[in-house]
Amino acid sequence: MDYQLVSPEHFSEEQSEFVSKFRESIFQLSGQTDMIVGAKDVNSRHLVASDAYARIVALARGADVIDRLDKEMPCEGTAQFADCYVQEDLALMRGGDPNAKASILNVHEYGDGLKARVFSKHLLRHEPTRAILGTVYYAHEIEVANFISLMPNYILEFGSGCSIEQVHGKFKLQDVELTEYEQEVSFLLLLNWDFKQIADFMNKYRPKPKTRVADSIIKSKNYICEKLGLPSQRRAELCDALIAAGMHRKMPASLFSRLIGSKQL
């Protein structure tokens, strides 16, 4: 990527003016809508936020958000997952694609209660100087019930809050690529579903001519273990490796789409 990451202390006059105008547009939007929107610099410090965003992190106005890190928010749920948000921002900025976007499901206690919100992020680019100045985020709410219904075991396994990023296409684990289907099986294994549960789920939402049975999922699990160089009979070792790689915070696009209300898996 021939774009340079530039932090606020190194903004040129042109870049500072660009951010100032962007901030004005967000404040104007904030006065007309209840959109949850804002931007952070390359250090994940907030440059601007709408009043609606301020309210969900337990602040009064968007202006109160400026210059804060997520870990400095009064909202304990946001502060708890601040490190996850920083890693998500860094992955987006360092990914090499100036047009990159990310979608992340956050479920936790916000300033307005337990909510499930999908945050979409893209890069804050200043084209004249080929610079990345940070990230832009906006969010919409989904039904918490959708999350609990589709993944009833998640809270039991990983706690009541989460920050889960949507994965598009293949996912690398220990330099080994997992296909989307392998990601799905892996993610559901992490929820502590048994092999029949996973087979039934796949038959319903990813049907194919030959009906899957528990043995089909066992074979998929064994193949994933083989790819990763793990003993195929040890499900626990596979799950430990998946968690260590953050797979429980990386949801395959097909599952993510269903979770946020898409009719197609």
Foldseek 3Di string as FASTA:
>chain_A
DPAAADEPVRDDPVRVVVLVVVQVVQAVVLVVDLWWKFWAFLQQQTQWTHQNVCQQLPHRGRVVRHRHQQLPGPFVLSVVCSVVVNVVFNCQVPVPDQFDKKWKWKFDQTNVGTFIKIKMKHFDADPVRRYTGGMMITIDTADVVLVCVVQVLLCVQPNRIAIAIEDEAWDAAPNFTDGLVLLLLLLVVLSVDQLQVSQVVCCVQVNDPDRDGSVNSLVSQLVVCVSVVHHSVDSVVSSVSCVVRVSNRYHYNQVVCVSRPHPHD
